[in-house]
Amino acid sequence: AKRLFAEILGCKPEQVFVGGNASLQLMYDTISKAYTHGLLRSERPWCK
């Protein structure tokens, strides 16, 4: 499934995470993770 999406998007399979039926859920979760934990380069969680 990672290879399929990677071919469609033009990226590498190791860059792909495959979820459920809703990309909106993944988008929400990405924002939520930034809010509660921060992103890779965050100095602190966005909630702070």
PDB file of all heavy atoms in Angstrom:
ATOM      1  N   ALA A   1       0.837  -1.204   0.000  1.00  0.00           N
ATOM      2  CA  ALA A   1       0.000   0.000   0.000  1.00  0.00           C
ATOM      3  C   ALA A   1       0.871   1.253   0.000  1.00  0.00           C
ATOM      4  O   ALA A   1       0.543   2.259  -0.646  1.00  0.00           O
ATOM      5  CB  ALA A   1      -0.941  -0.005   1.206  1.00  0.00           C
ATOM      6  N   LYS A   2       1.982   1.196   0.714  1.00  0.00           N
ATOM      7  CA  LYS A   2       2.924   2.325   0.718  1.00  0.00           C
ATOM      8  C   LYS A   2       3.517   2.529  -0.673  1.00  0.00           C
ATOM      9  O   LYS A   2       3.665   3.658  -1.139  1.00  0.00           O
ATOM     10  CB  LYS A   2       4.033   2.073   1.750  1.00  0.00           C
ATOM     11  CG  LYS A   2       3.544   2.131   3.197  1.00  0.00           C
ATOM     12  CD  LYS A   2       4.438   1.345   4.148  1.00  0.00           C
ATOM     13  CE  LYS A   2       5.758   1.991   4.408  1.00  0.00           C
ATOM     14  NZ  LYS A   2       5.675   2.995   5.477  1.00  0.00           N
ATOM     15  N   ARG A   3       3.826   1.435  -1.353  1.00  0.00           N
ATOM     16  CA  ARG A   3       4.370   1.538  -2.713  1.00  0.00           C
ATOM     17  C   ARG A   3       3.339   2.131  -3.669  1.00  0.00           C
ATOM     18  O   ARG A   3       3.680   2.946  -4.540  1.00  0.00           O
ATOM     19  CB  ARG A   3       4.823   0.159  -3.210  1.00  0.00           C
ATOM     20  CG  ARG A   3       6.040  -0.400  -2.500  1.00  0.00           C
ATOM     21  CD  ARG A   3       6.634  -1.595  -3.241  1.00  0.00           C
ATOM     22  NE  ARG A   3       5.726  -2.725  -3.324  1.00  0.00           N
ATOM     23  CZ  ARG A   3       5.680  -3.714  -2.442  1.00  0.00           C
ATOM     24  NH1 ARG A   3       6.478  -3.712  -1.377  1.00  0.00           N
ATOM     25  NH2 ARG A   3       4.855  -4.729  -2.615  1.00  0.00           N
ATOM     26  N   LEU A   4       2.074   1.733  -3.500  1.00  0.00           N
ATOM     27  CA  LEU A   4       1.009   2.244  -4.369  1.00  0.00           C
ATOM     28  C   LEU A   4       0.860   3.759  -4.219  1.00  0.00           C
ATOM     29  O   LEU A   4       0.859   4.502  -5.210  1.00  0.00           O
ATOM     30  CB  LEU A   4      -0.313   1.543  -4.044  1.00  0.00           C
ATOM     31  CG  LEU A   4      -1.553   2.042  -4.797  1.00  0.00           C
ATOM     32  CD1 LEU A   4      -1.421   1.826  -6.298  1.00  0.00           C
ATOM     33  CD2 LEU A   4      -2.811   1.347  -4.262  1.00  0.00           C
ATOM     34  N   PHE A   5       0.750   4.232  -2.987  1.00  0.00           N
ATOM     35  CA  PHE A   5       0.609   5.670  -2.768  1.00  0.00           C
ATOM     36  C   PHE A   5       1.865   6.421  -3.211  1.00  0.00           C
ATOM     37  O   PHE A   5       1.782   7.520  -3.770  1.00  0.00           O
ATOM     38  CB  PHE A   5       0.316   5.969  -1.300  1.00  0.00           C
ATOM     39  CG  PHE A   5      -1.143   5.992  -0.949  1.00  0.00           C
ATOM     40  CD1 PHE A   5      -1.647   5.184   0.055  1.00  0.00           C
ATOM     41  CD2 PHE A   5      -2.022   6.829  -1.612  1.00  0.00           C
ATOM     42  CE1 PHE A   5      -2.997   5.212   0.398  1.00  0.00           C
ATOM     43  CE2 PHE A   5      -3.385   6.871  -1.289  1.00  0.00           C
ATOM     44  CZ  PHE A   5      -3.863   6.059  -0.275  1.00  0.00           C
ATOM     45  N   ALA A   6       3.034   5.837  -2.967  1.00  0.00           N
ATOM     46  CA  ALA A   6       4.283   6.498  -3.349  1.00  0.00           C
ATOM     47  C   ALA A   6       4.359   6.685  -4.862  1.00  0.00           C
ATOM     48  O   ALA A   6       4.791   7.738  -5.346  1.00  0.00           O
ATOM     49  CB  ALA A   6       5.482   5.682  -2.859  1.00  0.00           C
ATOM     50  N   GLU A   7       3.917   5.678  -5.608  1.00  0.00           N
ATOM     51  CA  GLU A   7       3.935   5.798  -7.069  1.00  0.00           C
ATOM     52  C   GLU A   7       2.970   6.885  -7.530  1.00  0.00           C
ATOM     53  O   GLU A   7       3.288   7.681  -8.418  1.00  0.00           O
ATOM     54  CB  GLU A   7       3.568   4.463  -7.717  1.00  0.00           C
ATOM     55  CG  GLU A   7       3.699   4.508  -9.232  1.00  0.00           C
ATOM     56  CD  GLU A   7       3.223   3.247  -9.931  1.00  0.00           C
ATOM     57  OE1 GLU A   7       2.610   2.373  -9.265  1.00  0.00           O
ATOM     58  OE2 GLU A   7       3.434   3.151 -11.151  1.00  0.00           O
ATOM     59  N   ILE A   8       1.785   6.958  -6.921  1.00  0.00           N
ATOM     60  CA  ILE A   8       0.796   7.966  -7.305  1.00  0.00           C
ATOM     61  C   ILE A   8       1.284   9.369  -6.965  1.00  0.00           C
ATOM     62  O   ILE A   8       1.142  10.304  -7.764  1.00  0.00           O
ATOM     63  CB  ILE A   8      -0.558   7.668  -6.623  1.00  0.00           C
ATOM     64  CG1 ILE A   8      -1.188   6.408  -7.243  1.00  0.00           C
ATOM     65  CG2 ILE A   8      -1.512   8.854  -6.744  1.00  0.00           C
ATOM     66  CD1 ILE A   8      -2.417   5.901  -6.513  1.00  0.00           C
ATOM     67  N   LEU A   9       1.898   9.532  -5.800  1.00  0.00           N
ATOM     68  CA  LEU A   9       2.324  10.861  -5.352  1.00  0.00           C
ATOM     69  C   LEU A   9       3.706  11.252  -5.867  1.00  0.00           C
ATOM     70  O   LEU A   9       4.055  12.426  -5.855  1.00  0.00           O
ATOM     71  CB  LEU A   9       2.320  10.918  -3.819  1.00  0.00           C
ATOM     72  CG  LEU A   9       0.958  10.760  -3.139  1.00  0.00           C
ATOM     73  CD1 LEU A   9       1.120  10.720  -1.629  1.00  0.00           C
ATOM     74  CD2 LEU A   9       0.000  11.873  -3.554  1.00  0.00           C
ATOM     75  N   GLY A  10       4.492  10.270  -6.284  1.00  0.00           N
ATOM     76  CA  GLY A  10       5.827  10.565  -6.793  1.00  0.00           C
ATOM     77  C   GLY A  10       6.888  10.630  -5.728  1.00  0.00           C
ATOM     78  O   GLY A  10       7.975  11.187  -5.959  1.00  0.00           O
ATOM     79  N   CYS A  11       6.609  10.079  -4.529  1.00  0.00           N
ATOM     80  CA  CYS A  11       7.589  10.098  -3.447  1.00  0.00           C
ATOM     81  C   CYS A  11       8.142   8.694  -3.225  1.00  0.00           C
ATOM     82  O   CYS A  11       7.969   7.799  -4.056  1.00  0.00           O
ATOM     83  CB  CYS A  11       6.968  10.683  -2.180  1.00  0.00           C
ATOM     84  SG  CYS A  11       5.566   9.735  -1.537  1.00  0.00           S
ATOM     85  N   LYS A  12       8.785   8.466  -2.088  1.00  0.00           N
ATOM     86  CA  LYS A  12       9.372   7.163  -1.779  1.00  0.00           C
ATOM     87  C   LYS A  12       8.453   6.382  -0.835  1.00  0.00           C
ATOM     88  O   LYS A  12       7.821   6.974   0.042  1.00  0.00           O
ATOM     89  CB  LYS A  12      10.734   7.354  -1.105  1.00  0.00           C
ATOM     90  CG  LYS A  12      11.736   8.143  -1.915  1.00  0.00           C
ATOM     91  CD  LYS A  12      12.982   8.426  -1.077  1.00  0.00           C
ATOM     92  CE  LYS A  12      13.961   9.324  -1.815  1.00  0.00           C
ATOM     93  NZ  LYS A  12      15.122   9.690  -0.962  1.00  0.00           N
ATOM     94  N   PRO A  13       8.399   5.048  -0.973  1.00  0.00           N
ATOM     95  CA  PRO A  13       7.532   4.259  -0.087  1.00  0.00           C
ATOM     96  C   PRO A  13       7.822   4.471   1.389  1.00  0.00           C
ATOM     97  O   PRO A  13       6.905   4.489   2.216  1.00  0.00           O
ATOM     98  CB  PRO A  13       7.834   2.817  -0.512  1.00  0.00           C
ATOM     99  CG  PRO A  13       8.256   2.918  -1.941  1.00  0.00           C
ATOM    100  CD  PRO A  13       9.021   4.216  -2.026  1.00  0.00           C
ATOM    101  N   GLU A  14       9.107   4.649   1.745  1.00  0.00           N
ATOM    102  CA  GLU A  14       9.454   4.830   3.159  1.00  0.00           C
ATOM    103  C   GLU A  14       8.986   6.184   3.707  1.00  0.00           C
ATOM    104  O   GLU A  14       9.042   6.426   4.918  1.00  0.00           O
ATOM    105  CB  GLU A  14      10.959   4.666   3.379  1.00  0.00           C
ATOM    106  CG  GLU A  14      11.826   5.565   2.536  1.00  0.00           C
ATOM    107  CD  GLU A  14      12.263   4.929   1.217  1.00  0.00           C
ATOM    108  OE1 GLU A  14      11.512   4.074   0.681  1.00  0.00           O
ATOM    109  OE2 GLU A  14      13.346   5.301   0.735  1.00  0.00           O
ATOM    110  N   GLN A  15       8.513   7.049   2.832  1.00  0.00           N
ATOM    111  CA  GLN A  15       7.974   8.346   3.263  1.00  0.00           C
ATOM    112  C   GLN A  15       6.468   8.314   3.471  1.00  0.00           C
ATOM    113  O   GLN A  15       5.869   9.335   3.806  1.00  0.00           O
ATOM    114  CB  GLN A  15       8.312   9.416   2.222  1.00  0.00           C
ATOM    115  CG  GLN A  15       9.805   9.692   2.069  1.00  0.00           C
ATOM    116  CD  GLN A  15      10.097  10.675   0.955  1.00  0.00           C
ATOM    117  OE1 GLN A  15       9.567  10.559  -0.155  1.00  0.00           O
ATOM    118  NE2 GLN A  15      10.947  11.646   1.229  1.00  0.00           N
ATOM    119  N   VAL A  16       5.848   7.154   3.271  1.00  0.00           N
ATOM    120  CA  VAL A  16       4.381   7.048   3.282  1.00  0.00           C
ATOM    121  C   VAL A  16       3.894   6.301   4.519  1.00  0.00           C
ATOM    122  O   VAL A  16       4.418   5.238   4.868  1.00  0.00           O
ATOM    123  CB  VAL A  16       3.881   6.329   2.005  1.00  0.00           C
ATOM    124  CG1 VAL A  16       2.363   6.112   2.079  1.00  0.00           C
ATOM    125  CG2 VAL A  16       4.240   7.134   0.762  1.00  0.00           C
ATOM    126  N   PHE A  17       2.880   6.865   5.149  1.00  0.00           N
ATOM    127  CA  PHE A  17       2.146   6.215   6.239  1.00  0.00           C
ATOM    128  C   PHE A  17       0.711   6.013   5.765  1.00  0.00           C
ATOM    129  O   PHE A  17       0.052   6.983   5.378  1.00  0.00           O
ATOM    130  CB  PHE A  17       2.168   7.082   7.504  1.00  0.00           C
ATOM    131  CG  PHE A  17       1.515   6.452   8.708  1.00  0.00           C
ATOM    132  CD1 PHE A  17       2.296   5.913   9.721  1.00  0.00           C
ATOM    133  CD2 PHE A  17       0.135   6.391   8.836  1.00  0.00           C
ATOM    134  CE1 PHE A  17       1.704   5.332  10.836  1.00  0.00           C
ATOM    135  CE2 PHE A  17      -0.463   5.815   9.940  1.00  0.00           C
ATOM    136  CZ  PHE A  17       0.324   5.282  10.948  1.00  0.00           C
ATOM    137  N   VAL A  18       0.213   4.788   5.787  1.00  0.00           N
ATOM    138  CA  VAL A  18      -1.120   4.482   5.266  1.00  0.00           C
ATOM    139  C   VAL A  18      -2.106   4.363   6.422  1.00  0.00           C
ATOM    140  O   VAL A  18      -1.865   3.631   7.395  1.00  0.00           O
ATOM    141  CB  VAL A  18      -1.119   3.180   4.441  1.00  0.00           C
ATOM    142  CG1 VAL A  18      -2.496   2.968   3.792  1.00  0.00           C
ATOM    143  CG2 VAL A  18      -0.038   3.229   3.360  1.00  0.00           C
ATOM    144  N   GLY A  19      -3.209   5.109   6.314  1.00  0.00           N
ATOM    145  CA  GLY A  19      -4.206   5.135   7.379  1.00  0.00           C
ATOM    146  C   GLY A  19      -5.520   4.506   6.980  1.00  0.00           C
ATOM    147  O   GLY A  19      -5.581   3.619   6.116  1.00  0.00           O
ATOM    148  N   GLY A  20      -6.583   4.987   7.602  1.00  0.00           N
ATOM    149  CA  GLY A  20      -7.921   4.468   7.334  1.00  0.00           C
ATOM    150  C   GLY A  20      -8.591   5.184   6.184  1.00  0.00           C
ATOM    151  O   GLY A  20      -7.924   5.656   5.262  1.00  0.00           O
ATOM    152  N   ASN A  21      -9.908   5.312   6.250  1.00  0.00           N
ATOM    153  CA  ASN A  21     -10.645   5.811   5.087  1.00  0.00           C
ATOM    154  C   ASN A  21     -10.614   7.332   4.949  1.00  0.00           C
ATOM    155  O   ASN A  21     -11.038   7.854   3.924  1.00  0.00           O
ATOM    156  CB  ASN A  21     -12.104   5.345   5.143  1.00  0.00           C
ATOM    157  CG  ASN A  21     -12.918   6.104   6.178  1.00  0.00           C
ATOM    158  OD1 ASN A  21     -12.617   6.040   7.367  1.00  0.00           O
ATOM    159  ND2 ASN A  21     -13.931   6.813   5.741  1.00  0.00           N
ATOM    160  N   ALA A  22     -10.112   8.069   5.958  1.00  0.00           N
ATOM    161  CA  ALA A  22     -10.262   9.530   5.935  1.00  0.00           C
ATOM    162  C   ALA A  22      -8.917  10.235   6.084  1.00  0.00           C
ATOM    163  O   ALA A  22      -8.286  10.160   7.143  1.00  0.00           O
ATOM    164  CB  ALA A  22     -11.205   9.985   7.049  1.00  0.00           C
ATOM    165  N   SER A  23      -8.490  10.937   5.040  1.00  0.00           N
ATOM    166  CA  SER A  23      -7.277  11.753   5.159  1.00  0.00           C
ATOM    167  C   SER A  23      -7.492  12.890   6.149  1.00  0.00           C
ATOM    168  O   SER A  23      -6.544  13.349   6.783  1.00  0.00           O
ATOM    169  CB  SER A  23      -6.860  12.301   3.797  1.00  0.00           C
ATOM    170  OG  SER A  23      -7.892  13.076   3.218  1.00  0.00           O
ATOM    171  N   LEU A  24      -8.733  13.345   6.301  1.00  0.00           N
ATOM    172  CA  LEU A  24      -9.021  14.416   7.262  1.00  0.00           C
ATOM    173  C   LEU A  24      -8.643  13.985   8.680  1.00  0.00           C
ATOM    174  O   LEU A  24      -8.144  14.787   9.473  1.00  0.00           O
ATOM    175  CB  LEU A  24     -10.493  14.815   7.200  1.00  0.00           C
ATOM    176  CG  LEU A  24     -10.901  16.002   8.065  1.00  0.00           C
ATOM    177  CD1 LEU A  24     -10.253  17.297   7.583  1.00  0.00           C
ATOM    178  CD2 LEU A  24     -12.424  16.169   8.085  1.00  0.00           C
ATOM    179  N   GLN A  25      -8.849  12.722   8.998  1.00  0.00           N
ATOM    180  CA  GLN A  25      -8.459  12.211  10.314  1.00  0.00           C
ATOM    181  C   GLN A  25      -6.955  12.329  10.503  1.00  0.00           C
ATOM    182  O   GLN A  25      -6.477  12.721  11.582  1.00  0.00           O
ATOM    183  CB  GLN A  25      -8.886  10.750  10.463  1.00  0.00           C
ATOM    184  CG  GLN A  25      -8.499  10.133  11.800  1.00  0.00           C
ATOM    185  CD  GLN A  25      -8.770   8.643  11.858  1.00  0.00           C
ATOM    186  OE1 GLN A  25      -8.804   7.958  10.835  1.00  0.00           O
ATOM    187  NE2 GLN A  25      -8.965   8.118  13.055  1.00  0.00           N
ATOM    188  N   LEU A  26      -6.193  12.003   9.461  1.00  0.00           N
ATOM    189  CA  LEU A  26      -4.733  12.115   9.548  1.00  0.00           C
ATOM    190  C   LEU A  26      -4.301  13.575   9.661  1.00  0.00           C
ATOM    191  O   LEU A  26      -3.344  13.891  10.378  1.00  0.00           O
ATOM    192  CB  LEU A  26      -4.085  11.466   8.329  1.00  0.00           C
ATOM    193  CG  LEU A  26      -4.307   9.958   8.164  1.00  0.00           C
ATOM    194  CD1 LEU A  26      -3.642   9.466   6.880  1.00  0.00           C
ATOM    195  CD2 LEU A  26      -3.778   9.184   9.373  1.00  0.00           C
ATOM    196  N   MET A  27      -4.992  14.459   8.955  1.00  0.00           N
ATOM    197  CA  MET A  27      -4.684  15.886   9.055  1.00  0.00           C
ATOM    198  C   MET A  27      -4.964  16.406  10.461  1.00  0.00           C
ATOM    199  O   MET A  27      -4.141  17.111  11.054  1.00  0.00           O
ATOM    200  CB  MET A  27      -5.497  16.675   8.019  1.00  0.00           C
ATOM    201  CG  MET A  27      -5.040  16.488   6.597  1.00  0.00           C
ATOM    202  SD  MET A  27      -6.001  17.484   5.440  1.00  0.00           S
ATOM    203  CE  MET A  27      -6.857  16.219   4.532  1.00  0.00           C
ATOM    204  N   TYR A  28      -6.129  16.047  10.982  1.00  0.00           N
ATOM    205  CA  TYR A  28      -6.482  16.460  12.344  1.00  0.00           C
ATOM    206  C   TYR A  28      -5.441  15.942  13.332  1.00  0.00           C
ATOM    207  O   TYR A  28      -4.983  16.665  14.228  1.00  0.00           O
ATOM    208  CB  TYR A  28      -7.875  15.939  12.710  1.00  0.00           C
ATOM    209  CG  TYR A  28      -8.337  16.356  14.089  1.00  0.00           C
ATOM    210  CD1 TYR A  28      -9.131  17.490  14.262  1.00  0.00           C
ATOM    211  CD2 TYR A  28      -7.971  15.641  15.225  1.00  0.00           C
ATOM    212  CE1 TYR A  28      -9.552  17.891  15.524  1.00  0.00           C
ATOM    213  CE2 TYR A  28      -8.380  16.028  16.489  1.00  0.00           C
ATOM    214  CZ  TYR A  28      -9.172  17.152  16.635  1.00  0.00           C
ATOM    215  OH  TYR A  28      -9.570  17.549  17.893  1.00  0.00           O
ATOM    216  N   ASP A  29      -5.045  14.680  13.149  1.00  0.00           N
ATOM    217  CA  ASP A  29      -4.115  14.072  14.088  1.00  0.00           C
ATOM    218  C   ASP A  29      -2.741  14.731  14.027  1.00  0.00           C
ATOM    219  O   ASP A  29      -2.060  14.876  15.050  1.00  0.00           O
ATOM    220  CB  ASP A  29      -3.998  12.572  13.803  1.00  0.00           C
ATOM    221  CG  ASP A  29      -3.426  11.804  14.978  1.00  0.00           C
ATOM    222  OD1 ASP A  29      -3.975  11.933  16.085  1.00  0.00           O
ATOM    223  OD2 ASP A  29      -2.420  11.099  14.790  1.00  0.00           O
ATOM    224  N   THR A  30      -2.332  15.150  12.842  1.00  0.00           N
ATOM    225  CA  THR A  30      -1.047  15.844  12.705  1.00  0.00           C
ATOM    226  C   THR A  30      -1.062  17.168  13.466  1.00  0.00           C
ATOM    227  O   THR A  30      -0.122  17.499  14.201  1.00  0.00           O
ATOM    228  CB  THR A  30      -0.727  16.083  11.216  1.00  0.00           C
ATOM    229  OG1 THR A  30      -0.695  14.829  10.530  1.00  0.00           O
ATOM    230  CG2 THR A  30       0.616  16.771  11.046  1.00  0.00           C
ATOM    231  N   ILE A  31      -2.148  17.927  13.289  1.00  0.00           N
ATOM    232  CA  ILE A  31      -2.295  19.187  14.028  1.00  0.00           C
ATOM    233  C   ILE A  31      -2.375  18.910  15.533  1.00  0.00           C
ATOM    234  O   ILE A  31      -1.761  19.613  16.353  1.00  0.00           O
ATOM    235  CB  ILE A  31      -3.552  19.949  13.554  1.00  0.00           C
ATOM    236  CG1 ILE A  31      -3.450  20.336  12.074  1.00  0.00           C
ATOM    237  CG2 ILE A  31      -3.795  21.179  14.426  1.00  0.00           C
ATOM    238  CD1 ILE A  31      -2.388  21.352  11.765  1.00  0.00           C
ATOM    239  N   SER A  32      -3.094  17.855  15.901  1.00  0.00           N
ATOM    240  CA  SER A  32      -3.249  17.509  17.309  1.00  0.00           C
ATOM    241  C   SER A  32      -1.914  17.136  17.947  1.00  0.00           C
ATOM    242  O   SER A  32      -1.604  17.547  19.076  1.00  0.00           O
ATOM    243  CB  SER A  32      -4.233  16.340  17.452  1.00  0.00           C
ATOM    244  OG  SER A  32      -4.387  15.963  18.801  1.00  0.00           O
ATOM    245  N   LYS A  33      -1.094  16.392  17.198  1.00  0.00           N
ATOM    246  CA  LYS A  33       0.219  16.014  17.716  1.00  0.00           C
ATOM    247  C   LYS A  33       1.091  17.260  17.905  1.00  0.00           C
ATOM    248  O   LYS A  33       1.843  17.371  18.883  1.00  0.00           O
ATOM    249  CB  LYS A  33       0.905  15.053  16.747  1.00  0.00           C
ATOM    250  CG  LYS A  33       0.231  13.685  16.618  1.00  0.00           C
ATOM    251  CD  LYS A  33       0.500  12.815  17.826  1.00  0.00           C
ATOM    252  CE  LYS A  33       0.033  11.378  17.591  1.00  0.00           C
ATOM    253  NZ  LYS A  33      -1.425  11.227  17.525  1.00  0.00           N
ATOM    254  N   ALA A  34       1.012  18.186  16.952  1.00  0.00           N
ATOM    255  CA  ALA A  34       1.766  19.437  17.095  1.00  0.00           C
ATOM    256  C   ALA A  34       1.312  20.194  18.344  1.00  0.00           C
ATOM    257  O   ALA A  34       2.133  20.775  19.059  1.00  0.00           O
ATOM    258  CB  ALA A  34       1.581  20.306  15.851  1.00  0.00           C
ATOM    259  N   TYR A  35       0.008  20.151  18.612  1.00  0.00           N
ATOM    260  CA  TYR A  35      -0.562  20.881  19.743  1.00  0.00           C
ATOM    261  C   TYR A  35      -0.162  20.251  21.081  1.00  0.00           C
ATOM    262  O   TYR A  35       0.221  20.952  22.019  1.00  0.00           O
ATOM    263  CB  TYR A  35      -2.083  20.914  19.608  1.00  0.00           C
ATOM    264  CG  TYR A  35      -2.776  21.798  20.614  1.00  0.00           C
ATOM    265  CD1 TYR A  35      -2.799  23.182  20.460  1.00  0.00           C
ATOM    266  CD2 TYR A  35      -3.418  21.249  21.721  1.00  0.00           C
ATOM    267  CE1 TYR A  35      -3.437  23.998  21.388  1.00  0.00           C
ATOM    268  CE2 TYR A  35      -4.058  22.053  22.652  1.00  0.00           C
ATOM    269  CZ  TYR A  35      -4.060  23.426  22.480  1.00  0.00           C
ATOM    270  OH  TYR A  35      -4.698  24.232  23.396  1.00  0.00           O
ATOM    271  N   THR A  36      -0.240  18.929  21.156  1.00  0.00           N
ATOM    272  CA  THR A  36      -0.011  18.268  22.442  1.00  0.00           C
ATOM    273  C   THR A  36       1.458  17.934  22.700  1.00  0.00           C
ATOM    274  O   THR A  36       1.920  17.936  23.847  1.00  0.00           O
ATOM    275  CB  THR A  36      -0.828  16.966  22.536  1.00  0.00           C
ATOM    276  OG1 THR A  36      -0.501  16.119  21.428  1.00  0.00           O
ATOM    277  CG2 THR A  36      -2.314  17.271  22.533  1.00  0.00           C
ATOM    278  N   HIS A  37       2.206  17.610  21.627  1.00  0.00           N
ATOM    279  CA  HIS A  37       3.578  17.159  21.797  1.00  0.00           C
ATOM    280  C   HIS A  37       4.610  18.035  21.085  1.00  0.00           C
ATOM    281  O   HIS A  37       5.802  17.969  21.399  1.00  0.00           O
ATOM    282  CB  HIS A  37       3.735  15.727  21.272  1.00  0.00           C
ATOM    283  CG  HIS A  37       3.031  14.699  22.074  1.00  0.00           C
ATOM    284  ND1 HIS A  37       1.657  14.535  22.045  1.00  0.00           N
ATOM    285  CD2 HIS A  37       3.508  13.768  22.942  1.00  0.00           C
ATOM    286  CE1 HIS A  37       1.322  13.544  22.860  1.00  0.00           C
ATOM    287  NE2 HIS A  37       2.417  13.066  23.417  1.00  0.00           N
ATOM    288  N   GLY A  38       4.150  18.824  20.124  1.00  0.00           N
ATOM    289  CA  GLY A  38       5.076  19.547  19.272  1.00  0.00           C
ATOM    290  C   GLY A  38       5.514  18.683  18.108  1.00  0.00           C
ATOM    291  O   GLY A  38       5.347  17.458  18.109  1.00  0.00           O
ATOM    292  N   LEU A  39       6.072  19.325  17.085  1.00  0.00           N
ATOM    293  CA  LEU A  39       6.599  18.613  15.925  1.00  0.00           C
ATOM    294  C   LEU A  39       8.093  18.349  16.119  1.00  0.00           C
ATOM    295  O   LEU A  39       8.676  18.731  17.135  1.00  0.00           O
ATOM    296  CB  LEU A  39       6.343  19.433  14.658  1.00  0.00           C
ATOM    297  CG  LEU A  39       4.864  19.666  14.321  1.00  0.00           C
ATOM    298  CD1 LEU A  39       4.731  20.645  13.162  1.00  0.00           C
ATOM    299  CD2 LEU A  39       4.166  18.350  13.988  1.00  0.00           C
ATOM    300  N   LEU A  40       8.696  17.718  15.144  1.00  0.00           N
ATOM    301  CA  LEU A  40      10.104  17.322  15.242  1.00  0.00           C
ATOM    302  C   LEU A  40      11.006  18.496  15.606  1.00  0.00           C
ATOM    303  O   LEU A  40      11.918  18.363  16.418  1.00  0.00           O
ATOM    304  CB  LEU A  40      10.545  16.701  13.912  1.00  0.00           C
ATOM    305  CG  LEU A  40      11.988  16.223  13.809  1.00  0.00           C
ATOM    306  CD1 LEU A  40      12.232  15.073  14.784  1.00  0.00           C
ATOM    307  CD2 LEU A  40      12.304  15.783  12.375  1.00  0.00           C
ATOM    308  N   ARG A  41      10.750  19.664  15.032  1.00  0.00           N
ATOM    309  CA  ARG A  41      11.613  20.835  15.245  1.00  0.00           C
ATOM    310  C   ARG A  41      11.010  21.854  16.223  1.00  0.00           C
ATOM    311  O   ARG A  41      11.470  22.982  16.293  1.00  0.00           O
ATOM    312  CB  ARG A  41      11.916  21.492  13.902  1.00  0.00           C
ATOM    313  CG  ARG A  41      12.716  20.586  12.956  1.00  0.00           C
ATOM    314  CD  ARG A  41      13.068  21.275  11.653  1.00  0.00           C
ATOM    315  NE  ARG A  41      13.842  20.422  10.787  1.00  0.00           N
ATOM    316  CZ  ARG A  41      15.169  20.253  10.857  1.00  0.00           C
ATOM    317  NH1 ARG A  41      15.857  20.907  11.778  1.00  0.00           N
ATOM    318  NH2 ARG A  41      15.805  19.452  10.022  1.00  0.00           N
ATOM    319  N   SER A  42       9.977  21.450  16.938  1.00  0.00           N
ATOM    320  CA  SER A  42       9.335  22.381  17.880  1.00  0.00           C
ATOM    321  C   SER A  42      10.181  22.599  19.123  1.00  0.00           C
ATOM    322  O   SER A  42      10.806  21.656  19.644  1.00  0.00           O
ATOM    323  CB  SER A  42       7.963  21.860  18.305  1.00  0.00           C
ATOM    324  OG  SER A  42       7.068  21.820  17.220  1.00  0.00           O
ATOM    325  N   GLU A  43      10.195  23.828  19.598  1.00  0.00           N
ATOM    326  CA  GLU A  43      10.858  24.128  20.864  1.00  0.00           C
ATOM    327  C   GLU A  43       9.995  23.676  22.034  1.00  0.00           C
ATOM    328  O   GLU A  43      10.498  23.360  23.118  1.00  0.00           O
ATOM    329  CB  GLU A  43      11.140  25.630  20.954  1.00  0.00           C
ATOM    330  CG  GLU A  43      12.107  26.127  19.873  1.00  0.00           C
ATOM    331  CD  GLU A  43      12.210  27.641  19.830  1.00  0.00           C
ATOM    332  OE1 GLU A  43      11.339  28.309  20.432  1.00  0.00           O
ATOM    333  OE2 GLU A  43      13.149  28.155  19.191  1.00  0.00           O
ATOM    334  N   ARG A  44       8.687  23.645  21.814  1.00  0.00           N
ATOM    335  CA  ARG A  44       7.734  23.217  22.840  1.00  0.00           C
ATOM    336  C   ARG A  44       6.418  22.893  22.139  1.00  0.00           C
ATOM    337  O   ARG A  44       6.186  23.305  20.996  1.00  0.00           O
ATOM    338  CB  ARG A  44       7.517  24.324  23.879  1.00  0.00           C
ATOM    339  CG  ARG A  44       7.144  25.662  23.284  1.00  0.00           C
ATOM    340  CD  ARG A  44       7.113  26.762  24.348  1.00  0.00           C
ATOM    341  NE  ARG A  44       6.957  28.069  23.706  1.00  0.00           N
ATOM    342  CZ  ARG A  44       7.988  28.860  23.371  1.00  0.00           C
ATOM    343  NH1 ARG A  44       9.233  28.455  23.612  1.00  0.00           N
ATOM    344  NH2 ARG A  44       7.794  30.041  22.804  1.00  0.00           N
ATOM    345  N   PRO A  45       5.519  22.146  22.786  1.00  0.00           N
ATOM    346  CA  PRO A  45       4.209  21.878  22.184  1.00  0.00           C
ATOM    347  C   PRO A  45       3.468  23.180  21.888  1.00  0.00           C
ATOM    348  O   PRO A  45       3.619  24.170  22.612  1.00  0.00           O
ATOM    349  CB  PRO A  45       3.482  21.070  23.269  1.00  0.00           C
ATOM    350  CG  PRO A  45       4.567  20.480  24.096  1.00  0.00           C
ATOM    351  CD  PRO A  45       5.680  21.487  24.095  1.00  0.00           C
ATOM    352  N   TRP A  46       2.687  23.159  20.836  1.00  0.00           N
ATOM    353  CA  TRP A  46       1.973  24.383  20.451  1.00  0.00           C
ATOM    354  C   TRP A  46       0.988  24.831  21.525  1.00  0.00           C
ATOM    355  O   TRP A  46       0.653  26.023  21.588  1.00  0.00           O
ATOM    356  CB  TRP A  46       1.260  24.166  19.123  1.00  0.00           C
ATOM    357  CG  TRP A  46       2.213  24.068  17.960  1.00  0.00           C
ATOM    358  CD1 TRP A  46       3.576  24.065  18.002  1.00  0.00           C
ATOM    359  CD2 TRP A  46       1.863  23.953  16.583  1.00  0.00           C
ATOM    360  NE1 TRP A  46       4.097  23.956  16.738  1.00  0.00           N
ATOM    361  CE2 TRP A  46       3.069  23.886  15.841  1.00  0.00           C
ATOM    362  CE3 TRP A  46       0.648  23.895  15.890  1.00  0.00           C
ATOM    363  CZ2 TRP A  46       3.095  23.767  14.445  1.00  0.00           C
ATOM    364  CZ3 TRP A  46       0.661  23.771  14.504  1.00  0.00           C
ATOM    365  CH2 TRP A  46       1.868  23.709  13.793  1.00  0.00           C
ATOM    366  N   CYS A  47       0.513  23.919  22.348  1.00  0.00           N
ATOM    367  CA  CYS A  47      -0.420  24.315  23.413  1.00  0.00           C
ATOM    368  C   CYS A  47       0.252  25.233  24.431  1.00  0.00           C
ATOM    369  O   CYS A  47      -0.433  25.928  25.194  1.00  0.00           O
ATOM    370  CB  CYS A  47      -1.004  23.088  24.114  1.00  0.00           C
ATOM    371  SG  CYS A  47       0.227  22.069  24.974  1.00  0.00           S
ATOM    372  N   LYS A  48       1.588  25.255  24.436  1.00  0.00           N
ATOM    373  CA  LYS A  48       2.320  26.120  25.378  1.00  0.00           C
ATOM    374  C   LYS A  48       2.756  27.439  24.726  1.00  0.00           C
ATOM    375  O   LYS A  48       3.403  28.262  25.382  1.00  0.00           O
ATOM    376  CB  LYS A  48       3.530  25.377  25.935  1.00  0.00           C
ATOM    377  CG  LYS A  48       3.163  24.151  26.766  1.00  0.00           C
ATOM    378  CD  LYS A  48       4.362  23.545  27.446  1.00  0.00           C
ATOM    379  CE  LYS A  48       3.978  22.311  28.252  1.00  0.00           C
ATOM    380  NZ  LYS A  48       3.050  22.629  29.358  1.00  0.00           N
TER     381      LYS A  48
END
